[in-house]
């Protein structure tokens, strides 16, 4: 009798132990470690976040909470991550994918260049369990260029002479003595132009309005620097007046009428550029690529008719 009772008690203990272990194995756990549930950053994020779930988990949605907006991908579908294919948001500022082993979520979140915080809410789902990850992203306090590569496309350099920005001026002298007239207005509208173009996210948003000019590569012709200086870094065209030098005065004799016109020699060049930018607060680095086209007036000739 005692032997049967002992066997029964041992069997009961074993059953309780097995049941307890099964409960421990199947008990629902958080999909995310606490450090990833609510993050605040002053820069971009790039890396893997461990997911504590079997590999069949998904990202069910991504929301911009501060804009009450469900995020869309580049195909205009709701942003969802189901497999290892990389999903990209419109404008390329955000990318996500499952790792090849399904144990982590790859996130590439570009800088927030707005003064208003960006609040991103990511909805995770696994075996009926749902959880949210929140990322509050602020603009970095300052950014700087730490590397700059500018490569001119030699085949696109062009040197030409034109009067298209010159303005003819007519002068009449109705007096009995010679008169002198300045040629200043002939070249008044002549401009140096600089055009930046880039399709990269945030290409022109990182720079402070207080310091929006960049030193670019010198323009060299036959070993001589014909232009050096800073240009405005902005999307599109910036113009600055042609620095011609001394004003020339032309003499008009009594009872004479003359017309002054001009020609300007221009150099046009196009370059690819790659800027490596650093968020000085967070230390993150990113690259901006684009094209820079410059038209430089390098000399002028006054024509008298």
C-alpha atoms as a PDB file:
ATOM      1  CA  UNK A   1       0.000   0.000   0.000  1.00  0.00           C
ATOM      2  CA  UNK A   2       2.815   2.351   0.990  1.00  0.00           C
ATOM      3  CA  UNK A   3       4.628   1.472  -2.246  1.00  0.00           C
ATOM      4  CA  UNK A   4       1.586   2.353  -4.372  1.00  0.00           C
ATOM      5  CA  UNK A   5       1.148   5.644  -2.518  1.00  0.00           C
ATOM      6  CA  UNK A   6       4.792   6.602  -3.063  1.00  0.00           C
ATOM      7  CA  UNK A   7       4.529   5.834  -6.776  1.00  0.00           C
ATOM      8  CA  UNK A   8       1.381   7.970  -7.001  1.00  0.00           C
ATOM      9  CA  UNK A   9       3.044  10.919  -5.280  1.00  0.00           C
ATOM     10  CA  UNK A  10       6.100  10.691  -7.536  1.00  0.00           C
ATOM     11  CA  UNK A  11       3.899  10.603 -10.630  1.00  0.00           C
ATOM     12  CA  UNK A  12       1.931  13.615  -9.395  1.00  0.00           C
ATOM     13  CA  UNK A  13       5.127  15.633  -8.787  1.00  0.00           C
ATOM     14  CA  UNK A  14       6.406  14.707 -12.253  1.00  0.00           C
ATOM     15  CA  UNK A  15       3.113  15.769 -13.859  1.00  0.00           C
ATOM     16  CA  UNK A  16       3.131  19.109 -12.032  1.00  0.00           C
ATOM     17  CA  UNK A  17       6.769  19.710 -13.050  1.00  0.00           C
ATOM     18  CA  UNK A  18       6.078  18.941 -16.732  1.00  0.00           C
ATOM     19  CA  UNK A  19       2.984  21.126 -16.730  1.00  0.00           C
ATOM     20  CA  UNK A  20       4.914  23.947 -15.075  1.00  0.00           C
ATOM     21  CA  UNK A  21       7.696  23.725 -17.678  1.00  0.00           C
ATOM     22  CA  UNK A  22       5.166  23.709 -20.506  1.00  0.00           C
ATOM     23  CA  UNK A  23       3.518  26.806 -19.053  1.00  0.00           C
ATOM     24  CA  UNK A  24       6.905  28.502 -18.816  1.00  0.00           C
ATOM     25  CA  UNK A  25       7.638  27.651 -22.437  1.00  0.00           C
ATOM     26  CA  UNK A  26       4.267  28.774 -23.741  1.00  0.00           C
ATOM     27  CA  UNK A  27       3.700  31.706 -21.438  1.00  0.00           C
ATOM     28  CA  UNK A  28       3.375  34.904 -23.508  1.00  0.00           C
ATOM     29  CA  UNK A  29       6.467  37.120 -23.322  1.00  0.00           C
ATOM     30  CA  UNK A  30       7.092  40.626 -24.598  1.00  0.00           C
ATOM     31  CA  UNK A  31       8.066  40.808 -28.246  1.00  0.00           C
ATOM     32  CA  UNK A  32      10.553  43.569 -27.454  1.00  0.00           C
ATOM     33  CA  UNK A  33      13.150  44.237 -24.825  1.00  0.00           C
ATOM     34  CA  UNK A  34      12.209  47.192 -22.645  1.00  0.00           C
ATOM     35  CA  UNK A  35      14.934  49.410 -24.129  1.00  0.00           C
ATOM     36  CA  UNK A  36      13.279  49.236 -27.557  1.00  0.00           C
ATOM     37  CA  UNK A  37       9.681  49.895 -26.514  1.00  0.00           C
ATOM     38  CA  UNK A  38       9.979  53.661 -26.190  1.00  0.00           C
ATOM     39  CA  UNK A  39      13.040  55.296 -27.710  1.00  0.00           C
ATOM     40  CA  UNK A  40      14.041  58.934 -28.069  1.00  0.00           C
ATOM     41  CA  UNK A  41      16.748  59.949 -30.521  1.00  0.00           C
ATOM     42  CA  UNK A  42      18.330  63.209 -31.735  1.00  0.00           C
ATOM     43  CA  UNK A  43      19.429  61.728 -35.026  1.00  0.00           C
ATOM     44  CA  UNK A  44      18.971  58.792 -37.382  1.00  0.00           C
ATOM     45  CA  UNK A  45      18.841  55.107 -36.453  1.00  0.00           C
ATOM     46  CA  UNK A  46      20.329  52.218 -38.392  1.00  0.00           C
ATOM     47  CA  UNK A  47      20.624  48.683 -37.039  1.00  0.00           C
ATOM     48  CA  UNK A  48      18.845  45.531 -35.880  1.00  0.00           C
ATOM     49  CA  UNK A  49      16.323  45.278 -33.067  1.00  0.00           C
ATOM     50  CA  UNK A  50      15.906  41.847 -31.491  1.00  0.00           C
ATOM     51  CA  UNK A  51      12.402  40.369 -31.659  1.00  0.00           C
ATOM     52  CA  UNK A  52      11.583  37.880 -28.893  1.00  0.00           C
ATOM     53  CA  UNK A  53       9.171  35.741 -30.891  1.00  0.00           C
ATOM     54  CA  UNK A  54       9.103  32.925 -33.448  1.00  0.00           C
ATOM     55  CA  UNK A  55      10.031  33.929 -36.980  1.00  0.00           C
ATOM     56  CA  UNK A  56       6.405  34.290 -38.133  1.00  0.00           C
ATOM     57  CA  UNK A  57       6.026  37.743 -36.562  1.00  0.00           C
ATOM     58  CA  UNK A  58       5.096  40.718 -38.766  1.00  0.00           C
ATOM     59  CA  UNK A  59       5.090  44.487 -38.700  1.00  0.00           C
ATOM     60  CA  UNK A  60       1.393  45.115 -39.086  1.00  0.00           C
ATOM     61  CA  UNK A  61       1.492  48.895 -39.467  1.00  0.00           C
ATOM     62  CA  UNK A  62       3.649  51.993 -39.065  1.00  0.00           C
ATOM     63  CA  UNK A  63       2.077  55.264 -37.978  1.00  0.00           C
ATOM     64  CA  UNK A  64       3.255  58.830 -37.755  1.00  0.00           C
ATOM     65  CA  UNK A  65       1.479  59.543 -34.506  1.00  0.00           C
ATOM     66  CA  UNK A  66       2.002  63.304 -34.488  1.00  0.00           C
ATOM     67  CA  UNK A  67       0.455  63.522 -37.973  1.00  0.00           C
ATOM     68  CA  UNK A  68      -2.284  60.889 -37.405  1.00  0.00           C
ATOM     69  CA  UNK A  69      -1.066  59.200 -40.555  1.00  0.00           C
ATOM     70  CA  UNK A  70      -0.668  55.536 -41.546  1.00  0.00           C
ATOM     71  CA  UNK A  71       2.636  55.304 -43.379  1.00  0.00           C
ATOM     72  CA  UNK A  72       2.681  54.223 -47.030  1.00  0.00           C
ATOM     73  CA  UNK A  73       5.531  52.550 -48.893  1.00  0.00           C
ATOM     74  CA  UNK A  74       6.915  53.503 -52.313  1.00  0.00           C
ATOM     75  CA  UNK A  75       4.196  51.458 -54.018  1.00  0.00           C
ATOM     76  CA  UNK A  76       1.535  53.454 -52.120  1.00  0.00           C
ATOM     77  CA  UNK A  77       0.500  50.407 -50.061  1.00  0.00           C
ATOM     78  CA  UNK A  78       0.271  50.456 -46.272  1.00  0.00           C
ATOM     79  CA  UNK A  79       3.707  49.938 -44.758  1.00  0.00           C
ATOM     80  CA  UNK A  80       3.952  46.299 -43.591  1.00  0.00           C
ATOM     81  CA  UNK A  81       6.874  43.906 -43.068  1.00  0.00           C
ATOM     82  CA  UNK A  82       6.132  40.216 -43.610  1.00  0.00           C
ATOM     83  CA  UNK A  83       9.397  38.751 -44.916  1.00  0.00           C
ATOM     84  CA  UNK A  84      13.032  39.667 -45.531  1.00  0.00           C
ATOM     85  CA  UNK A  85      12.227  41.962 -48.465  1.00  0.00           C
ATOM     86  CA  UNK A  86      13.155  45.556 -47.617  1.00  0.00           C
ATOM     87  CA  UNK A  87      10.149  47.870 -47.401  1.00  0.00           C
ATOM     88  CA  UNK A  88      10.882  51.527 -48.204  1.00  0.00           C
ATOM     89  CA  UNK A  89       8.794  54.577 -47.339  1.00  0.00           C
ATOM     90  CA  UNK A  90       8.068  57.274 -49.888  1.00  0.00           C
ATOM     91  CA  UNK A  91      11.036  59.673 -50.295  1.00  0.00           C
ATOM     92  CA  UNK A  92      13.329  56.967 -48.909  1.00  0.00           C
ATOM     93  CA  UNK A  93      13.526  58.308 -45.341  1.00  0.00           C
ATOM     94  CA  UNK A  94      12.625  54.990 -43.692  1.00  0.00           C
ATOM     95  CA  UNK A  95      13.391  51.319 -44.454  1.00  0.00           C
ATOM     96  CA  UNK A  96      12.598  48.084 -42.646  1.00  0.00           C
ATOM     97  CA  UNK A  97      13.114  44.345 -43.189  1.00  0.00           C
ATOM     98  CA  UNK A  98      13.218  41.069 -41.294  1.00  0.00           C
ATOM     99  CA  UNK A  99      16.638  39.576 -40.707  1.00  0.00           C
ATOM    100  CA  UNK A 100      17.417  36.413 -42.653  1.00  0.00           C
ATOM    101  CA  UNK A 101      16.933  34.305 -39.492  1.00  0.00           C
ATOM    102  CA  UNK A 102      13.755  36.120 -38.507  1.00  0.00           C
ATOM    103  CA  UNK A 103      15.066  36.989 -35.053  1.00  0.00           C
ATOM    104  CA  UNK A 104      15.450  40.754 -35.509  1.00  0.00           C
ATOM    105  CA  UNK A 105      14.029  43.753 -37.305  1.00  0.00           C
ATOM    106  CA  UNK A 106      16.338  45.908 -39.406  1.00  0.00           C
ATOM    107  CA  UNK A 107      15.546  49.637 -39.194  1.00  0.00           C
ATOM    108  CA  UNK A 108      17.094  52.453 -41.214  1.00  0.00           C
ATOM    109  CA  UNK A 109      15.521  55.741 -40.121  1.00  0.00           C
ATOM    110  CA  UNK A 110      16.952  58.905 -41.638  1.00  0.00           C
ATOM    111  CA  UNK A 111      17.433  62.152 -39.739  1.00  0.00           C
ATOM    112  CA  UNK A 112      14.438  64.264 -38.827  1.00  0.00           C
ATOM    113  CA  UNK A 113      15.260  67.705 -40.225  1.00  0.00           C
ATOM    114  CA  UNK A 114      12.059  69.354 -39.017  1.00  0.00           C
ATOM    115  CA  UNK A 115      11.918  71.385 -35.801  1.00  0.00           C
ATOM    116  CA  UNK A 116       8.846  69.390 -34.743  1.00  0.00           C
ATOM    117  CA  UNK A 117       9.618  65.909 -33.302  1.00  0.00           C
ATOM    118  CA  UNK A 118       8.722  62.939 -35.478  1.00  0.00           C
ATOM    119  CA  UNK A 119       6.839  60.250 -33.534  1.00  0.00           C
ATOM    120  CA  UNK A 120       6.885  56.848 -35.209  1.00  0.00           C
ATOM    121  CA  UNK A 121       4.728  53.996 -33.895  1.00  0.00           C
ATOM    122  CA  UNK A 122       5.488  50.484 -35.176  1.00  0.00           C
ATOM    123  CA  UNK A 123       2.877  47.774 -34.617  1.00  0.00           C
ATOM    124  CA  UNK A 124       4.253  44.234 -34.157  1.00  0.00           C
ATOM    125  CA  UNK A 125       2.179  41.060 -34.279  1.00  0.00           C
ATOM    126  CA  UNK A 126       3.025  37.428 -33.412  1.00  0.00           C
ATOM    127  CA  UNK A 127       0.700  34.500 -32.607  1.00  0.00           C
ATOM    128  CA  UNK A 128      -2.182  36.779 -31.727  1.00  0.00           C
ATOM    129  CA  UNK A 129      -0.014  39.001 -29.520  1.00  0.00           C
ATOM    130  CA  UNK A 130       0.305  42.662 -30.475  1.00  0.00           C
ATOM    131  CA  UNK A 131       2.837  45.190 -29.276  1.00  0.00           C
ATOM    132  CA  UNK A 132       3.938  48.688 -30.254  1.00  0.00           C
ATOM    133  CA  UNK A 133       7.363  50.239 -30.539  1.00  0.00           C
ATOM    134  CA  UNK A 134       7.522  54.037 -30.268  1.00  0.00           C
ATOM    135  CA  UNK A 135      10.377  56.178 -31.597  1.00  0.00           C
ATOM    136  CA  UNK A 136      10.434  59.923 -30.877  1.00  0.00           C
ATOM    137  CA  UNK A 137      12.948  61.566 -33.152  1.00  0.00           C
ATOM    138  CA  UNK A 138      14.224  65.150 -32.783  1.00  0.00           C
ATOM    139  CA  UNK A 139      16.259  67.252 -35.168  1.00  0.00           C
ATOM    140  CA  UNK A 140      19.980  67.349 -34.427  1.00  0.00           C
ATOM    141  CA  UNK A 141      21.200  70.658 -33.052  1.00  0.00           C
ATOM    142  CA  UNK A 142      23.863  71.075 -35.741  1.00  0.00           C
ATOM    143  CA  UNK A 143      25.354  69.351 -38.770  1.00  0.00           C
ATOM    144  CA  UNK A 144      28.678  69.724 -40.529  1.00  0.00           C
ATOM    145  CA  UNK A 145      30.392  68.446 -43.670  1.00  0.00           C
ATOM    146  CA  UNK A 146      33.261  66.140 -42.724  1.00  0.00           C
ATOM    147  CA  UNK A 147      34.143  65.070 -46.259  1.00  0.00           C
ATOM    148  CA  UNK A 148      33.469  66.567 -49.670  1.00  0.00           C
ATOM    149  CA  UNK A 149      34.110  65.008 -53.071  1.00  0.00           C
ATOM    150  CA  UNK A 150      33.488  67.072 -56.215  1.00  0.00           C
ATOM    151  CA  UNK A 151      34.200  65.490 -59.604  1.00  0.00           C
ATOM    152  CA  UNK A 152      33.792  67.563 -62.754  1.00  0.00           C
ATOM    153  CA  UNK A 153      32.342  65.833 -65.817  1.00  0.00           C
ATOM    154  CA  UNK A 154      35.008  66.918 -68.289  1.00  0.00           C
ATOM    155  CA  UNK A 155      32.889  66.277 -71.371  1.00  0.00           C
ATOM    156  CA  UNK A 156      30.332  68.860 -70.201  1.00  0.00           C
ATOM    157  CA  UNK A 157      32.696  71.805 -69.794  1.00  0.00           C
ATOM    158  CA  UNK A 158      31.863  74.552 -72.278  1.00  0.00           C
ATOM    159  CA  UNK A 159      33.494  77.918 -72.981  1.00  0.00           C
ATOM    160  CA  UNK A 160      31.536  80.415 -75.068  1.00  0.00           C
ATOM    161  CA  UNK A 161      31.069  84.132 -75.755  1.00  0.00           C
ATOM    162  CA  UNK A 162      27.628  85.711 -75.594  1.00  0.00           C
ATOM    163  CA  UNK A 163      25.896  89.075 -75.248  1.00  0.00           C
ATOM    164  CA  UNK A 164      22.637  87.560 -73.947  1.00  0.00           C
ATOM    165  CA  UNK A 165      22.925  89.191 -70.496  1.00  0.00           C
ATOM    166  CA  UNK A 166      24.316  92.477 -71.786  1.00  0.00           C
ATOM    167  CA  UNK A 167      22.079  95.514 -72.184  1.00  0.00           C
ATOM    168  CA  UNK A 168      22.844  97.983 -75.030  1.00  0.00           C
ATOM    169  CA  UNK A 169      23.090 101.606 -73.946  1.00  0.00           C
ATOM    170  CA  UNK A 170      22.667 104.617 -76.251  1.00  0.00           C
ATOM    171  CA  UNK A 171      24.374 107.901 -75.336  1.00  0.00           C
ATOM    172  CA  UNK A 172      23.882 111.283 -77.075  1.00  0.00           C
ATOM    173  CA  UNK A 173      25.945 114.389 -76.567  1.00  0.00           C
ATOM    174  CA  UNK A 174      24.100 117.531 -77.601  1.00  0.00           C
ATOM    175  CA  UNK A 175      26.639 119.881 -76.084  1.00  0.00           C
ATOM    176  CA  UNK A 176      29.613 121.602 -77.669  1.00  0.00           C
ATOM    177  CA  UNK A 177      32.187 119.833 -75.498  1.00  0.00           C
ATOM    178  CA  UNK A 178      33.092 116.104 -75.181  1.00  0.00           C
ATOM    179  CA  UNK A 179      31.174 114.121 -72.556  1.00  0.00           C
ATOM    180  CA  UNK A 180      32.061 110.867 -70.802  1.00  0.00           C
ATOM    181  CA  UNK A 181      29.545 108.112 -70.109  1.00  0.00           C
ATOM    182  CA  UNK A 182      29.941 105.053 -67.900  1.00  0.00           C
ATOM    183  CA  UNK A 183      29.548 101.573 -69.337  1.00  0.00           C
ATOM    184  CA  UNK A 184      28.272 100.248 -65.974  1.00  0.00           C
ATOM    185  CA  UNK A 185      24.715  99.501 -67.158  1.00  0.00           C
ATOM    186  CA  UNK A 186      25.873  97.467 -70.163  1.00  0.00           C
ATOM    187  CA  UNK A 187      26.989  94.624 -67.881  1.00  0.00           C
ATOM    188  CA  UNK A 188      24.563  95.292 -65.019  1.00  0.00           C
ATOM    189  CA  UNK A 189      22.513  92.113 -65.624  1.00  0.00           C
ATOM    190  CA  UNK A 190      25.449  89.751 -66.124  1.00  0.00           C
ATOM    191  CA  UNK A 191      25.213  86.973 -63.524  1.00  0.00           C
ATOM    192  CA  UNK A 192      27.243  84.122 -62.103  1.00  0.00           C
ATOM    193  CA  UNK A 193      24.904  81.141 -61.599  1.00  0.00           C
ATOM    194  CA  UNK A 194      25.145  78.047 -59.411  1.00  0.00           C
ATOM    195  CA  UNK A 195      22.631  75.195 -59.613  1.00  0.00           C
ATOM    196  CA  UNK A 196      22.438  72.307 -57.127  1.00  0.00           C
ATOM    197  CA  UNK A 197      20.216  69.284 -57.730  1.00  0.00           C
ATOM    198  CA  UNK A 198      19.763  66.167 -55.594  1.00  0.00           C
ATOM    199  CA  UNK A 199      17.091  63.489 -55.234  1.00  0.00           C
ATOM    200  CA  UNK A 200      18.372  62.364 -51.823  1.00  0.00           C
ATOM    201  CA  UNK A 201      16.136  62.693 -48.772  1.00  0.00           C
ATOM    202  CA  UNK A 202      16.981  65.820 -46.777  1.00  0.00           C
ATOM    203  CA  UNK A 203      19.574  66.955 -49.317  1.00  0.00           C
ATOM    204  CA  UNK A 204      18.968  70.658 -48.589  1.00  0.00           C
ATOM    205  CA  UNK A 205      17.357  70.488 -45.146  1.00  0.00           C
ATOM    206  CA  UNK A 206      20.348  69.751 -42.934  1.00  0.00           C
ATOM    207  CA  UNK A 207      22.079  73.087 -43.412  1.00  0.00           C
ATOM    208  CA  UNK A 208      21.394  75.970 -41.062  1.00  0.00           C
ATOM    209  CA  UNK A 209      19.884  79.077 -42.634  1.00  0.00           C
ATOM    210  CA  UNK A 210      22.516  81.134 -40.815  1.00  0.00           C
ATOM    211  CA  UNK A 211      25.327  79.466 -42.744  1.00  0.00           C
ATOM    212  CA  UNK A 212      23.982  78.336 -46.096  1.00  0.00           C
ATOM    213  CA  UNK A 213      27.063  78.762 -48.290  1.00  0.00           C
ATOM    214  CA  UNK A 214      29.738  76.265 -49.250  1.00  0.00           C
ATOM    215  CA  UNK A 215      33.279  76.597 -50.547  1.00  0.00           C
ATOM    216  CA  UNK A 216      33.436  74.675 -53.820  1.00  0.00           C
ATOM    217  CA  UNK A 217      36.299  73.685 -56.106  1.00  0.00           C
ATOM    218  CA  UNK A 218      38.266  76.408 -57.878  1.00  0.00           C
ATOM    219  CA  UNK A 219      37.694  76.886 -61.597  1.00  0.00           C
ATOM    220  CA  UNK A 220      41.044  76.453 -63.330  1.00  0.00           C
ATOM    221  CA  UNK A 221      41.813  77.162 -66.998  1.00  0.00           C
ATOM    222  CA  UNK A 222      45.292  76.492 -68.391  1.00  0.00           C
ATOM    223  CA  UNK A 223      46.695  76.264 -64.876  1.00  0.00           C
ATOM    224  CA  UNK A 224      45.229  79.608 -63.759  1.00  0.00           C
ATOM    225  CA  UNK A 225      42.454  79.999 -61.173  1.00  0.00           C
ATOM    226  CA  UNK A 226      39.744  82.105 -62.812  1.00  0.00           C
ATOM    227  CA  UNK A 227      37.153  81.670 -60.063  1.00  0.00           C
ATOM    228  CA  UNK A 228      37.257  80.753 -56.387  1.00  0.00           C
ATOM    229  CA  UNK A 229      34.720  81.280 -53.658  1.00  0.00           C
ATOM    230  CA  UNK A 230      31.599  80.203 -51.834  1.00  0.00           C
ATOM    231  CA  UNK A 231      28.180  79.540 -53.329  1.00  0.00           C
ATOM    232  CA  UNK A 232      24.716  79.312 -51.835  1.00  0.00           C
ATOM    233  CA  UNK A 233      23.758  75.683 -51.131  1.00  0.00           C
ATOM    234  CA  UNK A 234      20.088  75.424 -51.985  1.00  0.00           C
ATOM    235  CA  UNK A 235      17.826  73.434 -54.263  1.00  0.00           C
ATOM    236  CA  UNK A 236      17.834  75.063 -57.684  1.00  0.00           C
ATOM    237  CA  UNK A 237      19.505  78.189 -59.012  1.00  0.00           C
ATOM    238  CA  UNK A 238      21.352  80.923 -57.135  1.00  0.00           C
ATOM    239  CA  UNK A 239      22.605  84.006 -58.957  1.00  0.00           C
ATOM    240  CA  UNK A 240      25.200  86.570 -57.943  1.00  0.00           C
ATOM    241  CA  UNK A 241      26.287  89.717 -59.835  1.00  0.00           C
ATOM    242  CA  UNK A 242      29.316  89.550 -62.102  1.00  0.00           C
ATOM    243  CA  UNK A 243      32.294  91.166 -60.407  1.00  0.00           C
ATOM    244  CA  UNK A 244      33.675  92.966 -63.446  1.00  0.00           C
ATOM    245  CA  UNK A 245      36.205  95.297 -61.880  1.00  0.00           C
ATOM    246  CA  UNK A 246      36.772  98.954 -62.701  1.00  0.00           C
ATOM    247  CA  UNK A 247      34.086 100.924 -64.523  1.00  0.00           C
ATOM    248  CA  UNK A 248      35.168 102.233 -67.950  1.00  0.00           C
ATOM    249  CA  UNK A 249      34.106 105.640 -69.181  1.00  0.00           C
ATOM    250  CA  UNK A 250      33.622 106.255 -72.896  1.00  0.00           C
ATOM    251  CA  UNK A 251      33.970 109.672 -74.477  1.00  0.00           C
ATOM    252  CA  UNK A 252      31.209 110.974 -76.729  1.00  0.00           C
ATOM    253  CA  UNK A 253      32.091 113.909 -78.933  1.00  0.00           C
ATOM    254  CA  UNK A 254      29.864 116.968 -79.386  1.00  0.00           C
ATOM    255  CA  UNK A 255      26.707 116.317 -81.403  1.00  0.00           C
ATOM    256  CA  UNK A 256      27.458 112.599 -81.484  1.00  0.00           C
ATOM    257  CA  UNK A 257      25.275 109.587 -80.580  1.00  0.00           C
ATOM    258  CA  UNK A 258      26.803 106.183 -79.848  1.00  0.00           C
ATOM    259  CA  UNK A 259      25.570 102.788 -78.737  1.00  0.00           C
ATOM    260  CA  UNK A 260      27.576 100.629 -76.355  1.00  0.00           C
ATOM    261  CA  UNK A 261      27.038  96.903 -76.126  1.00  0.00           C
ATOM    262  CA  UNK A 262      29.078  94.083 -74.677  1.00  0.00           C
ATOM    263  CA  UNK A 263      30.154  90.481 -74.929  1.00  0.00           C
ATOM    264  CA  UNK A 264      30.986  88.198 -72.045  1.00  0.00           C
ATOM    265  CA  UNK A 265      33.119  85.067 -72.021  1.00  0.00           C
ATOM    266  CA  UNK A 266      31.512  82.328 -69.942  1.00  0.00           C
ATOM    267  CA  UNK A 267      32.692  78.983 -68.625  1.00  0.00           C
ATOM    268  CA  UNK A 268      30.048  76.369 -67.916  1.00  0.00           C
ATOM    269  CA  UNK A 269      30.878  73.231 -65.942  1.00  0.00           C
ATOM    270  CA  UNK A 270      28.942  70.351 -64.353  1.00  0.00           C
ATOM    271  CA  UNK A 271      30.149  68.195 -61.460  1.00  0.00           C
ATOM    272  CA  UNK A 272      28.972  65.272 -59.363  1.00  0.00           C
ATOM    273  CA  UNK A 273      29.257  65.838 -55.624  1.00  0.00           C
ATOM    274  CA  UNK A 274      29.207  63.624 -52.544  1.00  0.00           C
ATOM    275  CA  UNK A 275      28.988  65.293 -49.129  1.00  0.00           C
ATOM    276  CA  UNK A 276      29.447  63.267 -45.954  1.00  0.00           C
ATOM    277  CA  UNK A 277      27.450  64.986 -43.221  1.00  0.00           C
ATOM    278  CA  UNK A 278      27.752  64.429 -39.496  1.00  0.00           C
ATOM    279  CA  UNK A 279      25.113  65.081 -36.851  1.00  0.00           C
ATOM    280  CA  UNK A 280      27.354  66.845 -34.330  1.00  0.00           C
ATOM    281  CA  UNK A 281      25.071  65.983 -31.413  1.00  0.00           C
ATOM    282  CA  UNK A 282      24.465  62.283 -32.062  1.00  0.00           C
ATOM    283  CA  UNK A 283      27.533  61.490 -34.170  1.00  0.00           C
ATOM    284  CA  UNK A 284      25.497  59.863 -36.977  1.00  0.00           C
ATOM    285  CA  UNK A 285      26.849  60.252 -40.498  1.00  0.00           C
ATOM    286  CA  UNK A 286      25.060  60.210 -43.839  1.00  0.00           C
ATOM    287  CA  UNK A 287      25.840  61.022 -47.465  1.00  0.00           C
ATOM    288  CA  UNK A 288      24.213  63.467 -49.844  1.00  0.00           C
ATOM    289  CA  UNK A 289      24.843  63.075 -53.583  1.00  0.00           C
ATOM    290  CA  UNK A 290      23.849  65.284 -56.469  1.00  0.00           C
ATOM    291  CA  UNK A 291      24.983  67.466 -59.347  1.00  0.00           C
ATOM    292  CA  UNK A 292      26.312  71.014 -59.341  1.00  0.00           C
ATOM    293  CA  UNK A 293      26.244  73.164 -62.467  1.00  0.00           C
ATOM    294  CA  UNK A 294      28.047  76.478 -62.555  1.00  0.00           C
ATOM    295  CA  UNK A 295      28.200  79.237 -65.162  1.00  0.00           C
ATOM    296  CA  UNK A 296      30.970  81.757 -64.564  1.00  0.00           C
ATOM    297  CA  UNK A 297      31.550  85.014 -66.509  1.00  0.00           C
ATOM    298  CA  UNK A 298      35.335  85.344 -66.653  1.00  0.00           C
ATOM    299  CA  UNK A 299      35.921  88.337 -68.946  1.00  0.00           C
ATOM    300  CA  UNK A 300      34.002  91.025 -70.825  1.00  0.00           C
ATOM    301  CA  UNK A 301      34.482  93.148 -73.919  1.00  0.00           C
ATOM    302  CA  UNK A 302      32.873  96.533 -74.571  1.00  0.00           C
ATOM    303  CA  UNK A 303      31.600  97.077 -78.109  1.00  0.00           C
ATOM    304  CA  UNK A 304      31.011 100.547 -79.581  1.00  0.00           C
ATOM    305  CA  UNK A 305      28.719 101.186 -82.505  1.00  0.00           C
END
